[in-house]
């Protein structure tokens, strides 16, 4: 059997075989690559992200009652009274969200709070 080998040579020198040069990115090439990755991630986030739908139907309004904050009363105490069987932390979050309170310590004496009614 005979074997044939084919060797390619560089044009400048017939002594050395041609070697592929390593790929190098310029500063502009790296910038374009980074921007392309960021754009792909943004498109993926929009396509795969959560979506909301606006309708003309009203949502279900939760049953609430109004509680007036007394002296020395904390949001934790109000939540524990409103939902004695549930998790107080979740109830505090619900009350804060319903009343747009930035933190649990922002209660004012005499202010009225909407508190959800739990069954």
PDB file of N, CA and C in Angstrom:
ATOM      1  N   UNK A   1       0.826  -1.169   0.000  1.00  0.00           N
ATOM      2  CA  UNK A   1       0.000   0.000   0.000  1.00  0.00           C
ATOM      3  C   UNK A   1       0.870   1.231   0.000  1.00  0.00           C
ATOM      4  N   UNK A   2       0.346   2.242  -0.628  1.00  0.00           N
ATOM      5  CA  UNK A   2       1.083   3.494  -0.663  1.00  0.00           C
ATOM      6  C   UNK A   2       0.278   4.568   0.050  1.00  0.00           C
ATOM      7  N   UNK A   3       0.986   5.525   0.609  1.00  0.00           N
ATOM      8  CA  UNK A   3       0.352   6.613   1.337  1.00  0.00           C
ATOM      9  C   UNK A   3       0.760   7.917   0.697  1.00  0.00           C
ATOM     10  N   UNK A   4      -0.207   8.811   0.557  1.00  0.00           N
ATOM     11  CA  UNK A   4       0.058  10.125  -0.006  1.00  0.00           C
ATOM     12  C   UNK A   4      -0.190  11.144   1.098  1.00  0.00           C
ATOM     13  N   UNK A   5       0.788  11.991   1.307  1.00  0.00           N
ATOM     14  CA  UNK A   5       0.601  13.062   2.276  1.00  0.00           C
ATOM     15  C   UNK A   5       0.703  14.385   1.543  1.00  0.00           C
ATOM     16  N   UNK A   6      -0.191  15.286   1.909  1.00  0.00           N
ATOM     17  CA  UNK A   6      -0.219  16.605   1.285  1.00  0.00           C
ATOM     18  C   UNK A   6       0.151  17.619   2.354  1.00  0.00           C
ATOM     19  N   UNK A   7       1.148  18.411   2.065  1.00  0.00           N
ATOM     20  CA  UNK A   7       1.609  19.435   2.986  1.00  0.00           C
ATOM     21  C   UNK A   7       1.498  20.775   2.292  1.00  0.00           C
ATOM     22  N   UNK A   8       0.948  21.746   3.006  1.00  0.00           N
ATOM     23  CA  UNK A   8       0.872  23.094   2.438  1.00  0.00           C
ATOM     24  C   UNK A   8       2.006  23.919   3.015  1.00  0.00           C
ATOM     25  N   UNK A   9       2.508  24.813   2.197  1.00  0.00           N
ATOM     26  CA  UNK A   9       3.626  25.665   2.598  1.00  0.00           C
ATOM     27  C   UNK A   9       3.232  27.118   2.524  1.00  0.00           C
ATOM     28  N   UNK A  10       3.874  27.889   3.367  1.00  0.00           N
ATOM     29  CA  UNK A  10       3.701  29.331   3.365  1.00  0.00           C
ATOM     30  C   UNK A  10       4.246  29.882   2.053  1.00  0.00           C
ATOM     31  N   UNK A  11       3.645  30.928   1.522  1.00  0.00           N
ATOM     32  CA  UNK A  11       4.089  31.496   0.250  1.00  0.00           C
ATOM     33  C   UNK A  11       5.476  32.118   0.352  1.00  0.00           C
ATOM     34  N   UNK A  12       5.810  32.677   1.509  1.00  0.00           N
ATOM     35  CA  UNK A  12       7.089  33.359   1.646  1.00  0.00           C
ATOM     36  C   UNK A  12       8.255  32.393   1.750  1.00  0.00           C
ATOM     37  N   UNK A  13       8.021  31.263   2.318  1.00  0.00           N
ATOM     38  CA  UNK A  13       9.123  30.325   2.497  1.00  0.00           C
ATOM     39  C   UNK A  13       8.630  28.926   2.191  1.00  0.00           C
ATOM     40  N   UNK A  14       9.344  28.235   1.386  1.00  0.00           N
ATOM     41  CA  UNK A  14       8.941  26.886   1.044  1.00  0.00           C
ATOM     42  C   UNK A  14       9.455  25.868   2.055  1.00  0.00           C
ATOM     43  N   UNK A  15      10.168  26.319   3.047  1.00  0.00           N
ATOM     44  CA  UNK A  15      10.726  25.401   4.026  1.00  0.00           C
ATOM     45  C   UNK A  15       9.759  25.101   5.176  1.00  0.00           C
ATOM     46  N   UNK A  16       8.974  26.089   5.566  1.00  0.00           N
ATOM     47  CA  UNK A  16       8.096  25.898   6.718  1.00  0.00           C
ATOM     48  C   UNK A  16       6.660  25.671   6.268  1.00  0.00           C
ATOM     49  N   UNK A  17       5.938  24.759   6.924  1.00  0.00           N
ATOM     50  CA  UNK A  17       4.524  24.598   6.598  1.00  0.00           C
ATOM     51  C   UNK A  17       3.732  25.797   7.123  1.00  0.00           C
ATOM     52  N   UNK A  18       2.612  26.094   6.466  1.00  0.00           N
ATOM     53  CA  UNK A  18       1.764  27.225   6.861  1.00  0.00           C
ATOM     54  C   UNK A  18       1.057  26.882   8.172  1.00  0.00           C
ATOM     55  N   UNK A  19       1.084  27.812   9.111  1.00  0.00           N
ATOM     56  CA  UNK A  19       0.437  27.634  10.402  1.00  0.00           C
ATOM     57  C   UNK A  19      -0.621  28.724  10.527  1.00  0.00           C
ATOM     58  N   UNK A  20      -1.802  28.328  10.924  1.00  0.00           N
ATOM     59  CA  UNK A  20      -2.877  29.306  11.072  1.00  0.00           C
ATOM     60  C   UNK A  20      -2.549  30.237  12.245  1.00  0.00           C
ATOM     61  N   UNK A  21      -2.702  31.525  12.004  1.00  0.00           N
ATOM     62  CA  UNK A  21      -2.438  32.509  13.048  1.00  0.00           C
ATOM     63  C   UNK A  21      -3.581  32.486  14.058  1.00  0.00           C
ATOM     64  N   UNK A  22      -3.281  32.698  15.331  1.00  0.00           N
ATOM     65  CA  UNK A  22      -4.362  32.715  16.323  1.00  0.00           C
ATOM     66  C   UNK A  22      -5.271  33.919  16.088  1.00  0.00           C
ATOM     67  N   UNK A  23      -6.534  33.741  16.396  1.00  0.00           N
ATOM     68  CA  UNK A  23      -7.514  34.818  16.220  1.00  0.00           C
ATOM     69  C   UNK A  23      -7.346  35.799  17.363  1.00  0.00           C
ATOM     70  N   UNK A  24      -7.202  37.064  17.027  1.00  0.00           N
ATOM     71  CA  UNK A  24      -7.056  38.116  18.029  1.00  0.00           C
ATOM     72  C   UNK A  24      -8.125  39.155  17.803  1.00  0.00           C
ATOM     73  N   UNK A  25      -8.752  39.568  18.877  1.00  0.00           N
ATOM     74  CA  UNK A  25      -9.779  40.598  18.779  1.00  0.00           C
ATOM     75  C   UNK A  25      -9.175  41.954  19.099  1.00  0.00           C
ATOM     76  N   UNK A  26      -9.551  42.928  18.326  1.00  0.00           N
ATOM     77  CA  UNK A  26      -9.131  44.292  18.608  1.00  0.00           C
ATOM     78  C   UNK A  26     -10.032  44.855  19.696  1.00  0.00           C
ATOM     79  N   UNK A  27      -9.720  46.029  20.157  1.00  0.00           N
ATOM     80  CA  UNK A  27     -10.542  46.676  21.171  1.00  0.00           C
ATOM     81  C   UNK A  27     -11.959  46.891  20.639  1.00  0.00           C
ATOM     82  N   UNK A  28     -12.084  47.295  19.405  1.00  0.00           N
ATOM     83  CA  UNK A  28     -13.391  47.507  18.798  1.00  0.00           C
ATOM     84  C   UNK A  28     -14.128  46.175  18.653  1.00  0.00           C
ATOM     85  N   UNK A  29     -13.410  45.121  18.306  1.00  0.00           N
ATOM     86  CA  UNK A  29     -14.025  43.804  18.180  1.00  0.00           C
ATOM     87  C   UNK A  29     -14.563  43.294  19.508  1.00  0.00           C
ATOM     88  N   UNK A  30     -13.803  43.516  20.587  1.00  0.00           N
ATOM     89  CA  UNK A  30     -14.283  43.117  21.910  1.00  0.00           C
ATOM     90  C   UNK A  30     -15.516  43.903  22.305  1.00  0.00           C
ATOM     91  N   UNK A  31     -15.527  45.201  21.996  1.00  0.00           N
ATOM     92  CA  UNK A  31     -16.682  46.035  22.309  1.00  0.00           C
ATOM     93  C   UNK A  31     -17.915  45.546  21.558  1.00  0.00           C
ATOM     94  N   UNK A  32     -17.752  45.234  20.282  1.00  0.00           N
ATOM     95  CA  UNK A  32     -18.871  44.737  19.491  1.00  0.00           C
ATOM     96  C   UNK A  32     -19.362  43.404  20.052  1.00  0.00           C
ATOM     97  N   UNK A  33     -18.455  42.543  20.456  1.00  0.00           N
ATOM     98  CA  UNK A  33     -18.831  41.248  21.016  1.00  0.00           C
ATOM     99  C   UNK A  33     -19.588  41.420  22.335  1.00  0.00           C
ATOM    100  N   UNK A  34     -19.115  42.291  23.197  1.00  0.00           N
ATOM    101  CA  UNK A  34     -19.790  42.536  24.478  1.00  0.00           C
ATOM    102  C   UNK A  34     -21.177  43.126  24.240  1.00  0.00           C
ATOM    103  N   UNK A  35     -21.292  44.087  23.333  1.00  0.00           N
ATOM    104  CA  UNK A  35     -22.597  44.687  23.049  1.00  0.00           C
ATOM    105  C   UNK A  35     -23.552  43.670  22.437  1.00  0.00           C
ATOM    106  N   UNK A  36     -23.044  42.766  21.615  1.00  0.00           N
ATOM    107  CA  UNK A  36     -23.896  41.729  21.024  1.00  0.00           C
ATOM    108  C   UNK A  36     -24.422  40.782  22.104  1.00  0.00           C
ATOM    109  N   UNK A  37     -23.577  40.431  23.077  1.00  0.00           N
ATOM    110  CA  UNK A  37     -24.019  39.555  24.163  1.00  0.00           C
ATOM    111  C   UNK A  37     -25.056  40.269  25.021  1.00  0.00           C
ATOM    112  N   UNK A  38     -24.840  41.537  25.335  1.00  0.00           N
ATOM    113  CA  UNK A  38     -25.801  42.302  26.135  1.00  0.00           C
ATOM    114  C   UNK A  38     -27.133  42.411  25.403  1.00  0.00           C
ATOM    115  N   UNK A  39     -27.086  42.675  24.098  1.00  0.00           N
ATOM    116  CA  UNK A  39     -28.317  42.770  23.315  1.00  0.00           C
ATOM    117  C   UNK A  39     -29.052  41.432  23.298  1.00  0.00           C
ATOM    118  N   UNK A  40     -28.318  40.330  23.166  1.00  0.00           N
ATOM    119  CA  UNK A  40     -28.948  39.011  23.162  1.00  0.00           C
ATOM    120  C   UNK A  40     -29.598  38.717  24.513  1.00  0.00           C
ATOM    121  N   UNK A  41     -28.937  39.091  25.612  1.00  0.00           N
ATOM    122  CA  UNK A  41     -29.520  38.888  26.941  1.00  0.00           C
ATOM    123  C   UNK A  41     -30.769  39.743  27.136  1.00  0.00           C
ATOM    124  N   UNK A  42     -30.741  40.983  26.642  1.00  0.00           N
ATOM    125  CA  UNK A  42     -31.906  41.859  26.764  1.00  0.00           C
ATOM    126  C   UNK A  42     -33.088  41.305  25.979  1.00  0.00           C
ATOM    127  N   UNK A  43     -32.836  40.840  24.777  1.00  0.00           N
ATOM    128  CA  UNK A  43     -33.910  40.251  23.970  1.00  0.00           C
ATOM    129  C   UNK A  43     -34.451  39.003  24.653  1.00  0.00           C
ATOM    130  N   UNK A  44     -33.566  38.174  25.195  1.00  0.00           N
ATOM    131  CA  UNK A  44     -34.008  36.980  25.916  1.00  0.00           C
ATOM    132  C   UNK A  44     -34.839  37.322  27.130  1.00  0.00           C
ATOM    133  N   UNK A  45     -34.461  38.367  27.855  1.00  0.00           N
ATOM    134  CA  UNK A  45     -35.224  38.774  29.038  1.00  0.00           C
ATOM    135  C   UNK A  45     -36.610  39.257  28.654  1.00  0.00           C
ATOM    136  N   UNK A  46     -36.719  39.983  27.543  1.00  0.00           N
ATOM    137  CA  UNK A  46     -38.020  40.471  27.105  1.00  0.00           C
ATOM    138  C   UNK A  46     -38.890  39.313  26.625  1.00  0.00           C
ATOM    139  N   UNK A  47     -38.305  38.408  25.859  1.00  0.00           N
ATOM    140  CA  UNK A  47     -39.078  37.303  25.292  1.00  0.00           C
ATOM    141  C   UNK A  47     -39.473  36.294  26.373  1.00  0.00           C
ATOM    142  N   UNK A  48     -38.548  35.947  27.249  1.00  0.00           N
ATOM    143  CA  UNK A  48     -38.810  34.912  28.242  1.00  0.00           C
ATOM    144  C   UNK A  48     -39.261  35.456  29.586  1.00  0.00           C
ATOM    145  N   UNK A  49     -39.237  36.767  29.767  1.00  0.00           N
ATOM    146  CA  UNK A  49     -39.595  37.365  31.046  1.00  0.00           C
ATOM    147  C   UNK A  49     -41.078  37.286  31.320  1.00  0.00           C
ATOM    148  N   UNK A  50     -41.434  37.674  32.528  1.00  0.00           N
ATOM    149  CA  UNK A  50     -42.848  37.650  32.885  1.00  0.00           C
ATOM    150  C   UNK A  50     -43.586  38.747  32.133  1.00  0.00           C
ATOM    151  N   UNK A  51     -44.849  38.531  31.934  1.00  0.00           N
ATOM    152  CA  UNK A  51     -45.639  39.518  31.215  1.00  0.00           C
ATOM    153  C   UNK A  51     -46.932  39.768  31.969  1.00  0.00           C
ATOM    154  N   UNK A  52     -47.469  40.946  31.772  1.00  0.00           N
ATOM    155  CA  UNK A  52     -48.751  41.292  32.361  1.00  0.00           C
ATOM    156  C   UNK A  52     -49.701  41.670  31.246  1.00  0.00           C
ATOM    157  N   UNK A  53     -50.954  41.518  31.534  1.00  0.00           N
ATOM    158  CA  UNK A  53     -51.973  41.835  30.549  1.00  0.00           C
ATOM    159  C   UNK A  53     -52.909  42.857  31.165  1.00  0.00           C
ATOM    160  N   UNK A  54     -53.135  43.939  30.460  1.00  0.00           N
ATOM    161  CA  UNK A  54     -54.068  44.954  30.929  1.00  0.00           C
ATOM    162  C   UNK A  54     -55.443  44.659  30.340  1.00  0.00           C
ATOM    163  N   UNK A  55     -56.443  44.597  31.203  1.00  0.00           N
ATOM    164  CA  UNK A  55     -57.807  44.371  30.754  1.00  0.00           C
ATOM    165  C   UNK A  55     -58.689  45.461  31.323  1.00  0.00           C
ATOM    166  N   UNK A  56     -59.889  45.518  30.822  1.00  0.00           N
ATOM    167  CA  UNK A  56     -60.819  46.515  31.348  1.00  0.00           C
ATOM    168  C   UNK A  56     -61.671  45.951  32.486  1.00  0.00           C
ATOM    169  N   UNK A  57     -61.380  44.722  32.911  1.00  0.00           N
ATOM    170  CA  UNK A  57     -62.095  44.119  34.022  1.00  0.00           C
ATOM    171  C   UNK A  57     -61.387  44.447  35.333  1.00  0.00           C
ATOM    172  N   UNK A  58     -62.169  44.746  36.351  1.00  0.00           N
ATOM    173  CA  UNK A  58     -61.592  45.058  37.655  1.00  0.00           C
ATOM    174  C   UNK A  58     -61.152  43.774  38.340  1.00  0.00           C
ATOM    175  N   UNK A  59     -60.060  43.869  39.086  1.00  0.00           N
ATOM    176  CA  UNK A  59     -59.574  42.713  39.828  1.00  0.00           C
ATOM    177  C   UNK A  59     -60.398  42.501  41.085  1.00  0.00           C
ATOM    178  N   UNK A  60     -60.186  41.377  41.709  1.00  0.00           N
ATOM    179  CA  UNK A  60     -60.904  41.071  42.941  1.00  0.00           C
ATOM    180  C   UNK A  60     -60.345  41.923  44.079  1.00  0.00           C
ATOM    181  N   UNK A  61     -61.221  42.609  44.773  1.00  0.00           N
ATOM    182  CA  UNK A  61     -60.823  43.459  45.887  1.00  0.00           C
ATOM    183  C   UNK A  61     -60.847  42.613  47.156  1.00  0.00           C
ATOM    184  N   UNK A  62     -59.708  42.531  47.871  1.00  0.00           N
ATOM    185  CA  UNK A  62     -59.714  41.731  49.098  1.00  0.00           C
ATOM    186  C   UNK A  62     -60.528  42.425  50.189  1.00  0.00           C
ATOM    187  N   UNK A  63     -61.128  41.622  51.042  1.00  0.00           N
ATOM    188  CA  UNK A  63     -61.893  42.172  52.157  1.00  0.00           C
ATOM    189  C   UNK A  63     -60.920  42.796  53.154  1.00  0.00           C
ATOM    190  N   UNK A  64     -61.235  44.022  53.563  1.00  0.00           N
ATOM    191  CA  UNK A  64     -60.358  44.725  54.498  1.00  0.00           C
ATOM    192  C   UNK A  64     -61.180  45.351  55.623  1.00  0.00           C
ATOM    193  N   UNK A  65     -60.490  45.720  56.659  1.00  0.00           N
ATOM    194  CA  UNK A  65     -61.078  46.519  57.725  1.00  0.00           C
ATOM    195  C   UNK A  65     -60.085  47.610  58.076  1.00  0.00           C
ATOM    196  N   UNK A  66     -60.559  48.668  58.662  1.00  0.00           N
ATOM    197  CA  UNK A  66     -59.703  49.802  59.000  1.00  0.00           C
ATOM    198  C   UNK A  66     -59.334  49.729  60.478  1.00  0.00           C
ATOM    199  N   UNK A  67     -58.040  49.862  60.751  1.00  0.00           N
ATOM    200  CA  UNK A  67     -57.527  49.844  62.123  1.00  0.00           C
ATOM    201  C   UNK A  67     -56.830  51.176  62.368  1.00  0.00           C
ATOM    202  N   UNK A  68     -57.168  51.831  63.474  1.00  0.00           N
ATOM    203  CA  UNK A  68     -56.507  53.077  63.859  1.00  0.00           C
ATOM    204  C   UNK A  68     -55.344  52.728  64.786  1.00  0.00           C
ATOM    205  N   UNK A  69     -54.163  53.246  64.480  1.00  0.00           N
ATOM    206  CA  UNK A  69     -52.960  52.939  65.247  1.00  0.00           C
ATOM    207  C   UNK A  69     -53.040  53.631  66.605  1.00  0.00           C
ATOM    208  N   UNK A  70     -52.918  52.836  67.673  1.00  0.00           N
ATOM    209  CA  UNK A  70     -52.962  53.348  69.041  1.00  0.00           C
ATOM    210  C   UNK A  70     -51.532  53.580  69.549  1.00  0.00           C
ATOM    211  N   UNK A  71     -51.422  54.277  70.652  1.00  0.00           N
ATOM    212  CA  UNK A  71     -50.108  54.572  71.216  1.00  0.00           C
ATOM    213  C   UNK A  71     -49.400  53.280  71.635  1.00  0.00           C
ATOM    214  N   UNK A  72     -48.133  53.113  71.193  1.00  0.00           N
ATOM    215  CA  UNK A  72     -47.333  51.953  71.537  1.00  0.00           C
ATOM    216  C   UNK A  72     -47.609  50.725  70.683  1.00  0.00           C
ATOM    217  N   UNK A  73     -48.541  50.826  69.780  1.00  0.00           N
ATOM    218  CA  UNK A  73     -48.887  49.681  68.945  1.00  0.00           C
ATOM    219  C   UNK A  73     -47.913  49.559  67.783  1.00  0.00           C
ATOM    220  N   UNK A  74     -47.496  48.335  67.480  1.00  0.00           N
ATOM    221  CA  UNK A  74     -46.568  48.096  66.373  1.00  0.00           C
ATOM    222  C   UNK A  74     -47.302  47.387  65.246  1.00  0.00           C
ATOM    223  N   UNK A  75     -46.702  47.424  64.100  1.00  0.00           N
ATOM    224  CA  UNK A  75     -47.282  46.745  62.938  1.00  0.00           C
ATOM    225  C   UNK A  75     -47.314  45.241  63.162  1.00  0.00           C
ATOM    226  N   UNK A  76     -46.337  44.732  63.878  1.00  0.00           N
ATOM    227  CA  UNK A  76     -46.290  43.302  64.189  1.00  0.00           C
ATOM    228  C   UNK A  76     -47.508  42.906  65.047  1.00  0.00           C
ATOM    229  N   UNK A  77     -47.849  43.730  66.026  1.00  0.00           N
ATOM    230  CA  UNK A  77     -49.006  43.444  66.874  1.00  0.00           C
ATOM    231  C   UNK A  77     -50.307  43.506  66.079  1.00  0.00           C
ATOM    232  N   UNK A  78     -50.415  44.495  65.209  1.00  0.00           N
ATOM    233  CA  UNK A  78     -51.620  44.621  64.381  1.00  0.00           C
ATOM    234  C   UNK A  78     -51.766  43.401  63.472  1.00  0.00           C
ATOM    235  N   UNK A  79     -50.650  42.960  62.885  1.00  0.00           N
ATOM    236  CA  UNK A  79     -50.677  41.792  61.998  1.00  0.00           C
ATOM    237  C   UNK A  79     -51.022  40.530  62.768  1.00  0.00           C
ATOM    238  N   UNK A  80     -50.497  40.375  63.984  1.00  0.00           N
ATOM    239  CA  UNK A  80     -50.782  39.191  64.793  1.00  0.00           C
ATOM    240  C   UNK A  80     -52.252  39.135  65.190  1.00  0.00           C
ATOM    241  N   UNK A  81     -52.865  40.290  65.459  1.00  0.00           N
ATOM    242  CA  UNK A  81     -54.295  40.334  65.794  1.00  0.00           C
ATOM    243  C   UNK A  81     -55.153  40.071  64.556  1.00  0.00           C
ATOM    244  N   UNK A  82     -54.703  40.536  63.417  1.00  0.00           N
ATOM    245  CA  UNK A  82     -55.493  40.378  62.189  1.00  0.00           C
ATOM    246  C   UNK A  82     -55.468  38.944  61.680  1.00  0.00           C
ATOM    247  N   UNK A  83     -54.362  38.246  61.837  1.00  0.00           N
ATOM    248  CA  UNK A  83     -54.212  36.887  61.311  1.00  0.00           C
ATOM    249  C   UNK A  83     -53.536  36.008  62.358  1.00  0.00           C
ATOM    250  N   UNK A  84     -54.263  35.620  63.413  1.00  0.00           N
ATOM    251  CA  UNK A  84     -53.631  34.857  64.495  1.00  0.00           C
ATOM    252  C   UNK A  84     -53.194  33.455  64.083  1.00  0.00           C
ATOM    253  N   UNK A  85     -53.813  32.878  63.067  1.00  0.00           N
ATOM    254  CA  UNK A  85     -53.477  31.518  62.638  1.00  0.00           C
ATOM    255  C   UNK A  85     -52.396  31.498  61.562  1.00  0.00           C
ATOM    256  N   UNK A  86     -52.113  32.642  60.933  1.00  0.00           N
ATOM    257  CA  UNK A  86     -51.178  32.675  59.816  1.00  0.00           C
ATOM    258  C   UNK A  86     -49.789  33.135  60.208  1.00  0.00           C
ATOM    259  N   UNK A  87     -48.948  33.245  59.199  1.00  0.00           N
ATOM    260  CA  UNK A  87     -47.575  33.713  59.393  1.00  0.00           C
ATOM    261  C   UNK A  87     -47.603  35.230  59.541  1.00  0.00           C
ATOM    262  N   UNK A  88     -47.129  35.728  60.657  1.00  0.00           N
ATOM    263  CA  UNK A  88     -47.193  37.161  60.950  1.00  0.00           C
ATOM    264  C   UNK A  88     -46.344  37.955  59.952  1.00  0.00           C
ATOM    265  N   UNK A  89     -45.214  37.378  59.517  1.00  0.00           N
ATOM    266  CA  UNK A  89     -44.348  38.091  58.567  1.00  0.00           C
ATOM    267  C   UNK A  89     -45.072  38.360  57.253  1.00  0.00           C
ATOM    268  N   UNK A  90     -45.808  37.365  56.763  1.00  0.00           N
ATOM    269  CA  UNK A  90     -46.575  37.560  55.520  1.00  0.00           C
ATOM    270  C   UNK A  90     -47.678  38.584  55.716  1.00  0.00           C
ATOM    271  N   UNK A  91     -48.308  38.560  56.876  1.00  0.00           N
ATOM    272  CA  UNK A  91     -49.377  39.525  57.168  1.00  0.00           C
ATOM    273  C   UNK A  91     -48.815  40.942  57.245  1.00  0.00           C
ATOM    274  N   UNK A  92     -47.645  41.111  57.854  1.00  0.00           N
ATOM    275  CA  UNK A  92     -46.992  42.425  57.906  1.00  0.00           C
ATOM    276  C   UNK A  92     -46.701  42.905  56.480  1.00  0.00           C
ATOM    277  N   UNK A  93     -46.193  42.017  55.631  1.00  0.00           N
ATOM    278  CA  UNK A  93     -45.926  42.395  54.232  1.00  0.00           C
ATOM    279  C   UNK A  93     -47.208  42.807  53.519  1.00  0.00           C
ATOM    280  N   UNK A  94     -48.296  42.064  53.751  1.00  0.00           N
ATOM    281  CA  UNK A  94     -49.571  42.407  53.116  1.00  0.00           C
ATOM    282  C   UNK A  94     -50.044  43.793  53.550  1.00  0.00           C
ATOM    283  N   UNK A  95     -49.963  44.080  54.843  1.00  0.00           N
ATOM    284  CA  UNK A  95     -50.404  45.384  55.357  1.00  0.00           C
ATOM    285  C   UNK A  95     -49.524  46.503  54.795  1.00  0.00           C
ATOM    286  N   UNK A  96     -48.213  46.272  54.775  1.00  0.00           N
ATOM    287  CA  UNK A  96     -47.303  47.299  54.237  1.00  0.00           C
ATOM    288  C   UNK A  96     -47.598  47.572  52.763  1.00  0.00           C
ATOM    289  N   UNK A  97     -47.863  46.517  51.993  1.00  0.00           N
ATOM    290  CA  UNK A  97     -48.147  46.684  50.565  1.00  0.00           C
ATOM    291  C   UNK A  97     -49.481  47.409  50.358  1.00  0.00           C
ATOM    292  N   UNK A  98     -50.498  47.046  51.145  1.00  0.00           N
ATOM    293  CA  UNK A  98     -51.818  47.656  50.989  1.00  0.00           C
ATOM    294  C   UNK A  98     -51.807  49.141  51.334  1.00  0.00           C
ATOM    295  N   UNK A  99     -50.951  49.533  52.284  1.00  0.00           N
ATOM    296  CA  UNK A  99     -50.934  50.920  52.753  1.00  0.00           C
ATOM    297  C   UNK A  99     -49.740  51.706  52.222  1.00  0.00           C
ATOM    298  N   UNK A 100     -48.962  51.110  51.341  1.00  0.00           N
ATOM    299  CA  UNK A 100     -47.780  51.759  50.746  1.00  0.00           C
ATOM    300  C   UNK A 100     -46.827  52.279  51.816  1.00  0.00           C
ATOM    301  N   UNK A 101     -46.560  51.460  52.805  1.00  0.00           N
ATOM    302  CA  UNK A 101     -45.623  51.842  53.862  1.00  0.00           C
ATOM    303  C   UNK A 101     -44.210  51.450  53.436  1.00  0.00           C
ATOM    304  N   UNK A 102     -43.249  52.389  53.487  1.00  0.00           N
ATOM    305  CA  UNK A 102     -41.883  52.048  53.096  1.00  0.00           C
ATOM    306  C   UNK A 102     -41.186  51.109  54.081  1.00  0.00           C
ATOM    307  N   UNK A 103     -41.544  51.195  55.360  1.00  0.00           N
ATOM    308  CA  UNK A 103     -40.968  50.285  56.342  1.00  0.00           C
ATOM    309  C   UNK A 103     -41.974  50.076  57.468  1.00  0.00           C
ATOM    310  N   UNK A 104     -41.732  49.043  58.262  1.00  0.00           N
ATOM    311  CA  UNK A 104     -42.658  48.712  59.351  1.00  0.00           C
ATOM    312  C   UNK A 104     -42.611  49.749  60.464  1.00  0.00           C
ATOM    313  N   UNK A 105     -41.560  50.529  60.544  1.00  0.00           N
ATOM    314  CA  UNK A 105     -41.432  51.531  61.601  1.00  0.00           C
ATOM    315  C   UNK A 105     -42.052  52.871  61.262  1.00  0.00           C
ATOM    316  N   UNK A 106     -42.733  52.980  60.122  1.00  0.00           N
ATOM    317  CA  UNK A 106     -43.302  54.263  59.698  1.00  0.00           C
ATOM    318  C   UNK A 106     -44.751  54.451  60.145  1.00  0.00           C
ATOM    319  N   UNK A 107     -45.142  53.806  61.214  1.00  0.00           N
ATOM    320  CA  UNK A 107     -46.509  53.988  61.711  1.00  0.00           C
ATOM    321  C   UNK A 107     -46.610  55.310  62.450  1.00  0.00           C
ATOM    322  N   UNK A 108     -47.708  56.007  62.237  1.00  0.00           N
ATOM    323  CA  UNK A 108     -47.974  57.265  62.926  1.00  0.00           C
ATOM    324  C   UNK A 108     -49.160  57.062  63.864  1.00  0.00           C
ATOM    325  N   UNK A 109     -49.063  57.583  65.057  1.00  0.00           N
ATOM    326  CA  UNK A 109     -50.130  57.488  66.032  1.00  0.00           C
ATOM    327  C   UNK A 109     -51.397  58.109  65.459  1.00  0.00           C
ATOM    328  N   UNK A 110     -52.489  57.355  65.509  1.00  0.00           N
ATOM    329  CA  UNK A 110     -53.772  57.852  65.033  1.00  0.00           C
ATOM    330  C   UNK A 110     -54.035  57.641  63.555  1.00  0.00           C
ATOM    331  N   UNK A 111     -53.056  57.135  62.821  1.00  0.00           N
ATOM    332  CA  UNK A 111     -53.286  56.911  61.390  1.00  0.00           C
ATOM    333  C   UNK A 111     -54.142  55.668  61.176  1.00  0.00           C
ATOM    334  N   UNK A 112     -54.889  55.666  60.097  1.00  0.00           N
ATOM    335  CA  UNK A 112     -55.752  54.534  59.768  1.00  0.00           C
ATOM    336  C   UNK A 112     -55.040  53.620  58.794  1.00  0.00           C
ATOM    337  N   UNK A 113     -55.078  52.327  59.080  1.00  0.00           N
ATOM    338  CA  UNK A 113     -54.460  51.310  58.223  1.00  0.00           C
ATOM    339  C   UNK A 113     -55.536  50.377  57.689  1.00  0.00           C
ATOM    340  N   UNK A 114     -55.412  50.056  56.402  1.00  0.00           N
ATOM    341  CA  UNK A 114     -56.254  49.011  55.833  1.00  0.00           C
ATOM    342  C   UNK A 114     -55.592  47.683  56.146  1.00  0.00           C
ATOM    343  N   UNK A 115     -56.356  46.792  56.774  1.00  0.00           N
ATOM    344  CA  UNK A 115     -55.836  45.498  57.188  1.00  0.00           C
ATOM    345  C   UNK A 115     -56.706  44.434  56.529  1.00  0.00           C
ATOM    346  N   UNK A 116     -56.077  43.449  55.854  1.00  0.00           N
ATOM    347  CA  UNK A 116     -56.880  42.393  55.231  1.00  0.00           C
ATOM    348  C   UNK A 116     -57.611  41.551  56.285  1.00  0.00           C
ATOM    349  N   UNK A 117     -58.788  41.060  55.878  1.00  0.00           N
ATOM    350  CA  UNK A 117     -59.567  40.180  56.747  1.00  0.00           C
ATOM    351  C   UNK A 117     -59.224  38.748  56.357  1.00  0.00           C
ATOM    352  N   UNK A 118     -58.756  37.970  57.327  1.00  0.00           N
ATOM    353  CA  UNK A 118     -58.387  36.577  57.076  1.00  0.00           C
ATOM    354  C   UNK A 118     -59.465  35.674  57.663  1.00  0.00           C
ATOM    355  N   UNK A 119     -59.766  34.599  56.964  1.00  0.00           N
ATOM    356  CA  UNK A 119     -60.790  33.655  57.423  1.00  0.00           C
ATOM    357  C   UNK A 119     -60.156  32.633  58.321  1.00  0.00           C
TER     358      UNK A 119
END
